[in-house]
Amino acid sequence: MSDPHHGVGVGRQGTIETVSVSEAGVDRLKPGAIGLLGVIFVAVTGAAPISAMLFNVPFATGFGTGYYTPGAFLFAAVILTIFSIGYVAMAREISAAGGFYSFISHGLGRVLGLATGICGVIAYSLFEISLLGGFAYFFSTNFNSWFGWEIPWVLPAVLAALLICVLCWFDVELSVKVLGVALISEIVILTLFDVLVLGQGGSDTGIAFDSLNVAKTFDPGVGLVAGVGLFLAFWSWVGFEAIPNYAEESKDPKRNVVRATMIAVIGLGIGYVITSLAFESAFPKDQVVKAAQDPAGPFFVAMDAFGPHFLTIIMQVLILTGAFACAMAFHNVTMRYLYATGREGILPRALGRTHPKHKVPHVANVTQTVFAIVIMLIWGVSSGFGFDKAFDTAYVRVYTMMAVQGVVWILAIQTLCALAIIVWFRTGGRNGNIITTLICPIIAIIGQLFAIYLLFTNITAISFDITYTGWIVWIAVIITALAIIYALVLRSTNREKFDTVGRMIDDTGNL
């Protein structure tokens, strides 16, 4: 791959600064590879409906917002829908594989954009690792329940990481097909759960409509912590915002990226609220918190109570495929962040290479796989690899702690992105719609800052006394500061490379 910075200047397309992919001579992704449905599959599977529900709803109910967990999901749905209105307005204007990285670079400058790109890479990488931990936990526990086998959690985790690497080596269409099958299966089983519970009127205390009280999510009751539940609610959507990362590979991206984003965020919101409502309704009101703390899997208990046992078995299988598919979706996003920053030379340029036949970022693919395996092995060495450590290490330390670390960055990045939307549309003669590009982003900023505040002030509540928890915020601050310092150094030492930050787009006809 040629040097994308030598002799290539920053041009303009209307009011947008760009660096031409064709002039830079960098490796391209495969244009027009996926349509609207494909983009939706990638996005919604990244959010992992079944993982979000079977992991996060019981955790939020048992240790966070309690009975009022559906209210937390309703609050998150409203805030993220409002955020998405401004987000898609920006996506209509800038279609590039960098997503947040590109948007913030344009709106708030290259320094913050570069820092966002680096932190975004780390965040999505951690999300994949998180889901691999969740997959490993349920794999070990399910196979023990079915066959009495005691499988060390690290084995399915590493094998899953390697299989994801193999699947993502080929054309993006293969990933889309795998994710599509997984997503449809998840939606079907969750819909059946909702119909069975709500259709039978719930438990003895009836359908839990009062659990939708948003105000109660901020004061859930004695022994519960609002910040935990709200964090898990926002975490359940993570993945939908990555849709713009597929702009260069999608058909008619300026329309499909916008449509897919709104369909994803609203569809997830409706589904999450209904399913969390069904879960709270499946148990008597005064027993649901205790039931949610059952490590055996309260969703499985509820399905057994309201439906035939074979549906419980299917749900146990689909939590495995769902967690795997979600990890794969985050792997795909991480690959494209690495690709976007690599082709611009922000990270090693080798990361910006694509496979000569399949046109996927194959170097980024392998790099992310190695990183994921190394992090899981570090947790295993420090906390244990065996079957008996599946809950403590795979679920709590890998799944939960890596998710918390990633969400710290994503909430901050989404807040910066909302601010970038405001600034970008209010400058350069771009006077965007006042509702979509000013009022909605302001509301999103307030809501997301509140979620960050709750997360920071209650972060120890989800730690299970893990020492690492105290470092989560500081790790985010330190890495962000180092990324900003790197950007400032790059600006002073290599202005040509610095000028390309967040500006490179595929201008060869697809956009």
Protein backbone atom coordinates (compact mmCIF):
# COMPACT_ATOMS: atom_id res chain seq x y z
CA MET A 1 0.00 0.00 0.00
CA SER A 2 1.37 3.42 -0.90
CA ASP A 3 1.90 6.21 1.60
CA PRO A 4 -1.49 7.96 1.87
CA HIS A 5 0.04 11.22 2.98
CA HIS A 6 2.76 11.98 0.52
CA GLY A 7 1.67 14.73 -1.82
CA VAL A 8 -2.06 14.32 -1.14
CA GLY A 9 -3.84 17.47 -0.05
CA VAL A 10 -7.16 18.12 1.62
CA GLY A 11 -9.89 19.04 -0.86
CA ARG A 12 -13.54 19.97 -0.49
CA GLN A 13 -16.86 18.52 -1.56
CA GLY A 14 -19.26 21.39 -0.95
CA THR A 15 -18.75 22.36 2.69
CA ILE A 16 -16.99 19.09 3.60
CA GLU A 17 -13.21 18.70 3.78
CA THR A 18 -12.05 15.45 2.19
CA VAL A 19 -8.97 13.48 1.27
CA SER A 20 -9.52 11.47 -1.88
CA VAL A 21 -9.07 7.71 -1.48
CA SER A 22 -8.40 7.38 -5.20
CA GLU A 23 -5.67 10.03 -5.09
CA ALA A 24 -4.13 8.66 -1.90
CA GLY A 25 -3.85 5.20 -3.39
CA VAL A 26 -4.93 3.41 -0.21
CA ASP A 27 -6.63 0.02 -0.11
CA ARG A 28 -10.41 0.20 -0.46
CA LEU A 29 -13.25 -1.63 1.17
CA LYS A 30 -15.72 -3.38 -1.12
CA PRO A 31 -18.24 -0.76 -2.28
CA GLY A 32 -21.94 -1.61 -2.48
CA ALA A 33 -21.45 -4.92 -0.72
CA ILE A 34 -24.41 -4.69 1.66
CA GLY A 35 -27.92 -3.28 1.36
CA LEU A 36 -30.31 -1.80 3.91
CA LEU A 37 -31.18 -5.13 5.54
CA GLY A 38 -27.52 -6.04 5.79
CA VAL A 39 -26.67 -2.80 7.56
CA ILE A 40 -29.59 -3.33 9.96
CA PHE A 41 -28.46 -6.89 10.68
CA VAL A 42 -24.96 -5.68 11.49
CA ALA A 43 -26.18 -2.88 13.74
CA VAL A 44 -28.91 -4.66 15.67
CA THR A 45 -26.84 -7.81 16.11
CA GLY A 46 -24.08 -5.58 17.51
CA ALA A 47 -26.54 -4.44 20.15
CA ALA A 48 -27.29 -8.16 20.74
CA PRO A 49 -30.96 -8.19 21.79
CA ILE A 50 -30.84 -11.61 23.46
CA SER A 51 -27.56 -10.89 25.23
CA ALA A 52 -28.83 -7.47 26.33
CA MET A 53 -31.97 -9.01 27.75
CA LEU A 54 -30.63 -12.23 29.32
CA PHE A 55 -27.45 -10.60 30.69
CA ASN A 56 -28.45 -7.04 31.46
CA VAL A 57 -32.10 -7.14 32.54
CA PRO A 58 -31.55 -9.62 35.41
CA PHE A 59 -28.37 -7.79 36.49
CA ALA A 60 -30.15 -4.42 36.42
CA THR A 61 -33.14 -5.84 38.27
CA GLY A 62 -31.10 -7.67 40.88
CA PHE A 63 -28.50 -5.00 41.63
CA GLY A 64 -29.55 -1.75 39.95
CA THR A 65 -32.97 -0.33 39.21
CA GLY A 66 -34.84 -3.34 40.59
CA TYR A 67 -38.48 -3.68 39.66
CA TYR A 68 -38.28 -0.42 37.70
CA THR A 69 -35.75 -1.66 35.16
CA PRO A 70 -38.21 -1.23 32.23
CA GLY A 71 -38.30 2.48 33.15
CA ALA A 72 -34.51 2.62 32.79
CA PHE A 73 -34.76 1.09 29.32
CA LEU A 74 -37.51 3.55 28.41
CA PHE A 75 -35.33 6.47 29.53
CA ALA A 76 -32.36 5.22 27.51
CA ALA A 77 -34.59 4.64 24.47
CA VAL A 78 -35.82 8.24 24.51
CA ILE A 79 -32.34 9.76 24.98
CA LEU A 80 -30.71 7.61 22.30
CA THR A 81 -33.54 8.21 19.81
CA ILE A 82 -33.11 11.95 20.30
CA PHE A 83 -29.34 11.56 19.88
CA SER A 84 -29.87 9.56 16.69
CA ILE A 85 -31.93 12.32 15.08
CA GLY A 86 -28.88 14.61 15.08
CA TYR A 87 -26.52 11.72 14.39
CA VAL A 88 -28.21 10.77 11.13
CA ALA A 89 -28.30 14.42 10.06
CA MET A 90 -24.50 14.32 10.22
CA ALA A 91 -24.39 10.91 8.52
CA ARG A 92 -26.26 12.37 5.54
CA GLU A 93 -23.38 14.76 5.01
CA ILE A 94 -20.31 12.64 5.84
CA SER A 95 -20.10 9.03 4.65
CA ALA A 96 -16.87 7.42 5.80
CA ALA A 97 -15.74 4.25 7.55
CA GLY A 98 -14.55 6.26 10.56
CA GLY A 99 -17.97 6.93 12.14
CA PHE A 100 -17.55 8.91 15.38
CA TYR A 101 -13.92 9.50 14.45
CA SER A 102 -14.87 11.31 11.24
CA PHE A 103 -17.82 13.22 12.72
CA ILE A 104 -15.92 14.61 15.70
CA SER A 105 -12.89 15.44 13.54
CA HIS A 106 -15.09 17.62 11.36
CA GLY A 107 -17.11 19.18 14.16
CA LEU A 108 -14.61 19.67 16.98
CA GLY A 109 -11.29 19.52 15.22
CA ARG A 110 -8.66 16.96 14.37
CA VAL A 111 -7.11 16.76 17.84
CA LEU A 112 -10.29 15.56 19.53
CA GLY A 113 -11.16 13.54 16.44
CA LEU A 114 -7.89 11.64 16.56
CA ALA A 115 -8.28 10.99 20.29
CA THR A 116 -11.82 9.78 19.62
CA GLY A 117 -10.57 7.40 16.94
CA ILE A 118 -8.03 5.80 19.27
CA CYS A 119 -10.47 5.57 22.19
CA GLY A 120 -13.19 4.24 19.89
CA VAL A 121 -10.90 1.45 18.70
CA ILE A 122 -10.20 0.46 22.30
CA ALA A 123 -13.85 0.70 23.35
CA TYR A 124 -15.21 -1.52 20.58
CA SER A 125 -12.33 -3.93 21.05
CA LEU A 126 -13.27 -4.25 24.72
CA PHE A 127 -16.90 -4.83 23.80
CA GLU A 128 -15.90 -7.83 21.72
CA ILE A 129 -13.82 -9.16 24.61
CA SER A 130 -16.76 -8.55 26.96
CA LEU A 131 -19.12 -10.61 24.80
CA LEU A 132 -16.56 -13.38 24.43
CA GLY A 133 -16.53 -13.56 28.24
CA GLY A 134 -20.31 -13.72 28.32
CA PHE A 135 -20.32 -16.40 25.63
CA ALA A 136 -17.75 -18.43 27.57
CA TYR A 137 -19.77 -18.17 30.80
CA PHE A 138 -22.99 -19.44 29.25
CA PHE A 139 -21.14 -22.06 27.21
CA SER A 140 -19.56 -23.53 30.34
CA THR A 141 -22.72 -23.37 32.47
CA ASN A 142 -25.07 -24.62 29.74
CA PHE A 143 -22.90 -27.60 28.84
CA ASN A 144 -22.60 -28.41 32.54
CA SER A 145 -26.39 -28.29 32.86
CA TRP A 146 -26.96 -30.39 29.74
CA PHE A 147 -24.20 -32.98 29.97
CA GLY A 148 -22.48 -32.54 33.34
CA TRP A 149 -19.27 -31.40 31.61
CA GLU A 150 -16.98 -28.96 33.41
CA ILE A 151 -15.38 -27.05 30.54
CA PRO A 152 -12.79 -24.36 31.45
CA TRP A 153 -14.27 -21.03 30.32
CA VAL A 154 -11.12 -19.95 28.48
CA LEU A 155 -11.44 -22.78 25.92
CA PRO A 156 -14.75 -21.68 24.33
CA ALA A 157 -13.67 -18.03 24.62
CA VAL A 158 -10.47 -18.53 22.61
CA LEU A 159 -12.09 -20.86 20.08
CA ALA A 160 -14.89 -18.33 19.53
CA ALA A 161 -12.34 -15.56 18.96
CA LEU A 162 -10.51 -17.67 16.37
CA LEU A 163 -13.75 -18.63 14.59
CA ILE A 164 -14.75 -14.95 14.38
CA CYS A 165 -11.37 -14.18 12.83
CA VAL A 166 -11.92 -16.88 10.18
CA LEU A 167 -15.45 -15.72 9.34
CA CYS A 168 -14.38 -12.07 9.10
CA TRP A 169 -11.52 -12.98 6.74
CA PHE A 170 -13.96 -13.41 3.86
CA ASP A 171 -16.30 -10.98 2.12
CA VAL A 172 -18.41 -8.83 4.42
CA GLU A 173 -21.49 -10.51 2.91
CA LEU A 174 -20.61 -13.69 4.84
CA SER A 175 -20.58 -11.80 8.14
CA VAL A 176 -23.90 -10.21 7.27
CA LYS A 177 -25.50 -13.59 6.55
CA VAL A 178 -24.26 -15.10 9.83
CA LEU A 179 -25.43 -12.06 11.79
CA GLY A 180 -28.80 -12.04 10.01
CA VAL A 181 -29.59 -15.65 10.92
CA ALA A 182 -28.54 -15.03 14.54
CA LEU A 183 -30.62 -11.86 14.79
CA ILE A 184 -33.81 -13.36 13.40
CA SER A 185 -33.50 -16.30 15.79
CA GLU A 186 -33.03 -13.93 18.75
CA ILE A 187 -36.05 -11.85 17.83
CA VAL A 188 -38.25 -14.93 17.45
CA ILE A 189 -37.40 -16.43 20.88
CA LEU A 190 -37.69 -13.07 22.70
CA THR A 191 -41.05 -12.42 21.01
CA LEU A 192 -42.27 -15.86 22.10
CA PHE A 193 -41.17 -15.09 25.67
CA ASP A 194 -43.03 -11.78 25.62
CA VAL A 195 -46.20 -13.33 24.18
CA LEU A 196 -46.19 -16.23 26.66
CA VAL A 197 -45.69 -14.07 29.76
CA LEU A 198 -47.81 -11.06 28.83
CA GLY A 199 -50.44 -13.17 27.07
CA GLN A 200 -51.04 -15.11 30.31
CA GLY A 201 -51.22 -11.93 32.36
CA GLY A 202 -47.90 -12.38 34.11
CA SER A 203 -47.53 -13.69 37.67
CA ASP A 204 -49.99 -13.44 40.54
CA THR A 205 -49.38 -9.67 40.73
CA GLY A 206 -50.23 -9.17 37.06
CA ILE A 207 -48.49 -7.29 34.28
CA ALA A 208 -45.98 -4.85 35.74
CA PHE A 209 -47.09 -1.67 33.98
CA ASP A 210 -46.00 0.47 36.93
CA SER A 211 -42.41 -0.74 36.36
CA LEU A 212 -42.30 1.71 33.43
CA ASN A 213 -42.17 4.66 35.85
CA VAL A 214 -39.01 6.46 34.71
CA ALA A 215 -38.82 8.61 37.86
CA LYS A 216 -38.49 5.50 40.03
CA THR A 217 -35.37 4.42 38.13
CA PHE A 218 -33.43 7.20 39.87
CA ASP A 219 -34.54 6.02 43.33
CA PRO A 220 -35.11 2.27 42.92
CA GLY A 221 -35.18 1.26 46.58
CA VAL A 222 -33.05 0.05 49.47
CA GLY A 223 -30.01 -2.01 48.48
CA LEU A 224 -30.29 -1.07 44.81
CA VAL A 225 -28.26 1.43 42.81
CA ALA A 226 -29.80 3.52 40.02
CA GLY A 227 -26.52 4.03 38.21
CA VAL A 228 -26.08 0.30 37.68
CA GLY A 229 -29.43 -0.13 35.98
CA LEU A 230 -29.09 2.94 33.80
CA PHE A 231 -25.58 1.94 32.78
CA LEU A 232 -26.84 -1.49 31.72
CA ALA A 233 -29.72 0.08 29.82
CA PHE A 234 -27.42 2.35 27.80
CA TRP A 235 -24.94 -0.51 27.33
CA SER A 236 -27.73 -2.57 25.73
CA TRP A 237 -27.84 -0.22 22.73
CA VAL A 238 -24.11 -0.09 22.11
CA GLY A 239 -23.56 -1.15 18.52
CA PHE A 240 -26.33 0.74 16.72
CA GLU A 241 -24.20 3.89 16.51
CA ALA A 242 -21.57 1.99 14.47
CA ILE A 243 -23.77 1.93 11.36
CA PRO A 244 -21.91 4.85 9.68
CA ASN A 245 -18.74 2.73 9.84
CA TYR A 246 -20.26 0.65 7.03
CA ALA A 247 -21.01 3.64 4.81
CA GLU A 248 -18.25 2.86 2.31
CA GLU A 249 -19.49 -0.72 1.93
CA SER A 250 -23.23 -0.08 1.77
CA LYS A 251 -25.46 0.58 -1.20
CA ASP A 252 -26.78 4.15 -1.29
CA PRO A 253 -25.16 4.97 2.08
CA LYS A 254 -26.60 8.47 2.48
CA ARG A 255 -30.09 6.93 2.61
CA ASN A 256 -29.47 3.45 4.01
CA VAL A 257 -27.22 4.53 6.87
CA VAL A 258 -29.87 7.00 8.02
CA ARG A 259 -32.72 4.52 7.69
CA ALA A 260 -30.83 1.69 9.36
CA THR A 261 -29.82 3.87 12.31
CA MET A 262 -33.35 5.04 13.09
CA ILE A 263 -34.86 1.59 12.54
CA ALA A 264 -32.22 0.06 14.82
CA VAL A 265 -32.48 2.49 17.72
CA ILE A 266 -36.29 2.68 17.72
CA GLY A 267 -36.77 -1.04 17.08
CA LEU A 268 -34.37 -1.95 19.87
CA GLY A 269 -36.11 0.49 22.19
CA ILE A 270 -39.54 -1.02 21.61
CA GLY A 271 -38.24 -4.57 21.95
CA TYR A 272 -36.19 -3.88 25.08
CA VAL A 273 -39.02 -2.13 26.90
CA ILE A 274 -41.50 -4.91 26.10
CA THR A 275 -39.14 -7.76 27.02
CA SER A 276 -37.96 -6.13 30.26
CA LEU A 277 -41.64 -5.52 31.10
CA ALA A 278 -42.36 -9.20 30.46
CA PHE A 279 -39.47 -10.22 32.72
CA GLU A 280 -40.69 -8.07 35.62
CA SER A 281 -44.20 -9.45 35.06
CA ALA A 282 -43.00 -13.07 35.17
CA PHE A 283 -42.38 -12.91 38.94
CA PRO A 284 -44.43 -11.51 41.84
CA LYS A 285 -43.49 -7.89 42.45
CA ASP A 286 -42.01 -8.53 45.88
CA GLN A 287 -39.93 -11.48 44.63
CA VAL A 288 -38.54 -10.26 41.30
CA VAL A 289 -35.33 -8.72 42.70
CA LYS A 290 -34.38 -11.95 44.49
CA ALA A 291 -35.34 -14.01 41.44
CA ALA A 292 -33.15 -11.84 39.22
CA GLN A 293 -30.11 -12.61 41.41
CA ASP A 294 -30.36 -16.35 40.69
CA PRO A 295 -27.12 -17.34 38.89
CA ALA A 296 -28.95 -20.25 37.21
CA GLY A 297 -30.56 -17.81 34.80
CA PRO A 298 -33.89 -16.17 35.75
CA PHE A 299 -35.02 -15.86 32.13
CA PHE A 300 -34.77 -19.64 31.83
CA VAL A 301 -36.81 -20.04 35.02
CA ALA A 302 -39.44 -17.67 33.68
CA MET A 303 -39.62 -19.41 30.31
CA ASP A 304 -40.08 -22.76 32.06
CA ALA A 305 -42.91 -21.30 34.14
CA PHE A 306 -44.85 -19.86 31.21
CA GLY A 307 -43.94 -22.10 28.29
CA PRO A 308 -42.83 -25.61 27.32
CA HIS A 309 -39.36 -26.70 28.43
CA PHE A 310 -38.05 -27.12 24.90
CA LEU A 311 -38.30 -23.33 24.44
CA THR A 312 -36.00 -22.93 27.44
CA ILE A 313 -33.46 -25.21 25.77
CA ILE A 314 -33.74 -23.18 22.57
CA MET A 315 -33.22 -19.98 24.57
CA GLN A 316 -30.12 -21.50 26.20
CA VAL A 317 -28.73 -22.31 22.76
CA LEU A 318 -29.59 -18.89 21.33
CA ILE A 319 -27.87 -17.01 24.15
CA LEU A 320 -24.70 -18.73 22.93
CA THR A 321 -25.26 -17.88 19.27
CA GLY A 322 -26.41 -14.38 20.22
CA ALA A 323 -23.35 -13.61 22.34
CA PHE A 324 -21.13 -15.02 19.59
CA ALA A 325 -22.85 -12.95 16.91
CA CYS A 326 -22.61 -9.83 19.05
CA ALA A 327 -18.87 -10.38 19.59
CA MET A 328 -18.52 -10.84 15.84
CA ALA A 329 -20.41 -7.61 15.14
CA PHE A 330 -18.13 -5.65 17.48
CA HIS A 331 -15.14 -7.34 15.85
CA ASN A 332 -16.31 -6.03 12.48
CA VAL A 333 -16.69 -2.50 13.85
CA THR A 334 -13.25 -2.61 15.48
CA MET A 335 -11.73 -3.79 12.21
CA ARG A 336 -13.17 -0.76 10.42
CA TYR A 337 -12.01 1.69 13.06
CA LEU A 338 -8.52 0.19 12.80
CA TYR A 339 -8.78 0.37 9.02
CA ALA A 340 -9.93 4.01 9.01
CA THR A 341 -7.17 5.16 11.36
CA GLY A 342 -4.59 2.92 9.68
CA ARG A 343 -5.17 4.15 6.13
CA GLU A 344 -4.72 7.71 7.39
CA GLY A 345 -1.49 6.73 9.14
CA ILE A 346 -2.79 7.60 12.60
CA LEU A 347 -2.17 4.02 13.67
CA PRO A 348 0.28 1.76 11.76
CA ARG A 349 -0.57 1.96 8.05
CA ALA A 350 -0.57 -1.84 7.74
CA LEU A 351 -3.93 -1.76 9.55
CA GLY A 352 -5.36 0.09 6.55
CA ARG A 353 -4.69 -2.79 4.16
CA THR A 354 -7.53 -4.82 2.73
CA HIS A 355 -7.49 -8.38 1.42
CA PRO A 356 -6.80 -8.35 -2.34
CA LYS A 357 -9.77 -10.63 -3.05
CA HIS A 358 -12.28 -10.16 -0.23
CA LYS A 359 -11.69 -6.41 0.35
CA VAL A 360 -11.90 -6.66 4.12
CA PRO A 361 -9.34 -5.21 6.57
CA HIS A 362 -7.57 -8.52 7.08
CA VAL A 363 -4.57 -7.12 8.99
CA ALA A 364 -6.92 -5.33 11.38
CA ASN A 365 -8.87 -8.57 11.67
CA VAL A 366 -5.87 -10.56 12.90
CA THR A 367 -4.64 -7.71 15.09
CA GLN A 368 -7.94 -7.46 16.94
CA THR A 369 -8.13 -11.23 17.38
CA VAL A 370 -4.67 -11.38 18.95
CA PHE A 371 -5.49 -8.45 21.25
CA ALA A 372 -8.77 -10.06 22.40
CA ILE A 373 -7.12 -13.39 23.17
CA VAL A 374 -4.25 -11.73 25.06
CA ILE A 375 -6.62 -9.72 27.28
CA MET A 376 -8.70 -12.81 28.08
CA LEU A 377 -5.56 -14.77 28.92
CA ILE A 378 -4.42 -11.97 31.24
CA TRP A 379 -7.72 -12.14 33.11
CA GLY A 380 -7.42 -15.92 33.20
CA VAL A 381 -3.90 -15.85 34.62
CA SER A 382 -4.88 -13.32 37.28
CA SER A 383 -8.24 -14.82 38.25
CA GLY A 384 -8.44 -18.41 37.04
CA PHE A 385 -9.19 -20.39 33.87
CA GLY A 386 -11.23 -23.26 35.23
CA PHE A 387 -14.90 -24.10 35.07
CA ASP A 388 -15.29 -23.03 38.70
CA LYS A 389 -14.15 -19.54 37.69
CA ALA A 390 -16.71 -19.12 34.92
CA PHE A 391 -18.94 -16.74 36.90
CA ASP A 392 -16.23 -14.83 38.77
CA THR A 393 -13.84 -14.41 35.84
CA ALA A 394 -15.72 -14.85 32.56
CA TYR A 395 -18.99 -13.17 33.62
CA VAL A 396 -18.00 -10.58 36.22
CA ARG A 397 -14.42 -9.65 35.31
CA VAL A 398 -14.42 -10.12 31.52
CA TYR A 399 -18.05 -9.55 30.51
CA THR A 400 -19.04 -6.91 33.07
CA MET A 401 -15.77 -5.05 33.70
CA MET A 402 -14.75 -4.83 30.04
CA ALA A 403 -18.23 -3.56 29.19
CA VAL A 404 -18.04 -0.90 31.90
CA GLN A 405 -14.66 0.27 30.64
CA GLY A 406 -15.97 0.47 27.08
CA VAL A 407 -19.22 2.23 27.98
CA VAL A 408 -17.28 4.94 29.84
CA TRP A 409 -15.68 5.84 26.51
CA ILE A 410 -18.75 5.37 24.32
CA LEU A 411 -20.98 7.59 26.45
CA ALA A 412 -18.27 10.26 26.45
CA ILE A 413 -17.73 9.88 22.69
CA GLN A 414 -21.48 10.07 21.99
CA THR A 415 -21.65 13.24 24.07
CA LEU A 416 -18.74 14.77 22.10
CA CYS A 417 -20.40 13.65 18.87
CA ALA A 418 -23.63 15.44 19.81
CA LEU A 419 -21.61 18.59 20.51
CA ALA A 420 -19.77 18.14 17.21
CA ILE A 421 -23.09 18.01 15.36
CA ILE A 422 -24.12 21.33 16.88
CA VAL A 423 -20.80 23.04 16.08
CA TRP A 424 -20.49 21.65 12.56
CA PHE A 425 -23.97 22.67 11.48
CA ARG A 426 -23.70 26.13 13.06
CA THR A 427 -20.43 26.96 11.27
CA GLY A 428 -19.26 27.14 7.69
CA GLY A 429 -22.59 28.36 6.40
CA ARG A 430 -24.33 25.04 7.08
CA ASN A 431 -27.34 26.21 9.10
CA GLY A 432 -28.99 22.84 9.71
CA ASN A 433 -32.52 22.25 10.95
CA ILE A 434 -32.78 23.79 14.43
CA ILE A 435 -34.63 20.79 15.87
CA THR A 436 -32.47 18.00 14.43
CA THR A 437 -29.07 19.69 14.66
CA LEU A 438 -29.44 21.87 17.77
CA ILE A 439 -32.29 21.01 20.13
CA CYS A 440 -32.01 17.22 19.82
CA PRO A 441 -28.21 17.16 20.34
CA ILE A 442 -28.54 19.43 23.40
CA ILE A 443 -31.10 17.10 24.97
CA ALA A 444 -28.88 14.12 24.13
CA ILE A 445 -25.86 15.81 25.75
CA ILE A 446 -27.79 16.45 28.97
CA GLY A 447 -29.15 12.89 29.12
CA GLN A 448 -25.80 11.26 28.39
CA LEU A 449 -23.91 13.47 30.86
CA PHE A 450 -26.43 12.43 33.49
CA ALA A 451 -25.85 8.76 32.63
CA ILE A 452 -22.07 9.30 32.88
CA TYR A 453 -22.53 10.97 36.28
CA LEU A 454 -24.60 8.06 37.57
CA LEU A 455 -22.06 5.57 36.24
CA PHE A 456 -19.08 7.31 37.82
CA THR A 457 -20.76 7.85 41.19
CA ASN A 458 -21.98 4.25 41.42
CA ILE A 459 -19.26 2.37 39.59
CA THR A 460 -18.17 0.35 42.63
CA ALA A 461 -21.67 -1.12 42.95
CA ILE A 462 -21.08 -3.44 40.03
CA SER A 463 -17.51 -4.33 40.92
CA PHE A 464 -18.00 -7.25 43.27
CA ASP A 465 -15.02 -5.79 45.18
CA ILE A 466 -12.72 -6.09 42.13
CA THR A 467 -9.68 -3.84 42.58
CA TYR A 468 -9.64 -3.02 38.86
CA THR A 469 -12.90 -1.06 39.21
CA GLY A 470 -11.18 1.86 40.87
CA TRP A 471 -8.95 2.20 37.82
CA ILE A 472 -11.70 2.21 35.17
CA VAL A 473 -12.22 5.96 35.12
CA TRP A 474 -8.51 6.71 35.44
CA ILE A 475 -7.63 4.33 32.61
CA ALA A 476 -10.11 6.15 30.38
CA VAL A 477 -8.74 9.56 31.41
CA ILE A 478 -5.07 8.56 31.01
CA ILE A 479 -5.48 6.92 27.58
CA THR A 480 -7.60 9.83 26.33
CA ALA A 481 -4.96 12.30 27.56
CA LEU A 482 -2.19 10.33 25.85
CA ALA A 483 -4.21 10.26 22.61
CA ILE A 484 -4.64 14.05 22.77
CA ILE A 485 -0.91 14.51 23.41
CA TYR A 486 -0.17 12.27 20.41
CA ALA A 487 -2.48 14.41 18.27
CA LEU A 488 -0.76 17.62 19.38
CA VAL A 489 2.67 16.15 18.66
CA LEU A 490 1.51 14.95 15.24
CA ARG A 491 0.15 18.41 14.45
CA SER A 492 3.52 20.00 15.18
CA THR A 493 5.74 17.35 13.57
CA ASN A 494 3.81 16.07 10.54
CA ARG A 495 1.19 18.56 9.45
CA GLU A 496 0.50 16.73 6.19
CA LYS A 497 -0.49 13.55 8.00
CA PHE A 498 -2.38 15.49 10.68
CA ASP A 499 -4.49 17.23 8.05
CA THR A 500 -5.86 13.88 6.83
CA VAL A 501 -7.38 13.04 10.24
CA GLY A 502 -11.02 12.07 9.75
CA ARG A 503 -11.04 13.40 6.16
CA MET A 504 -10.43 10.33 4.02
CA ILE A 505 -13.47 9.00 2.17
CA ASP A 506 -14.04 6.65 -0.75
CA ASP A 507 -14.88 9.01 -3.60
CA THR A 508 -14.94 6.43 -6.36
CA GLY A 509 -18.67 6.45 -6.94
CA ASN A 510 -20.37 4.58 -4.15
CA LEU A 511 -20.91 7.68 -2.02
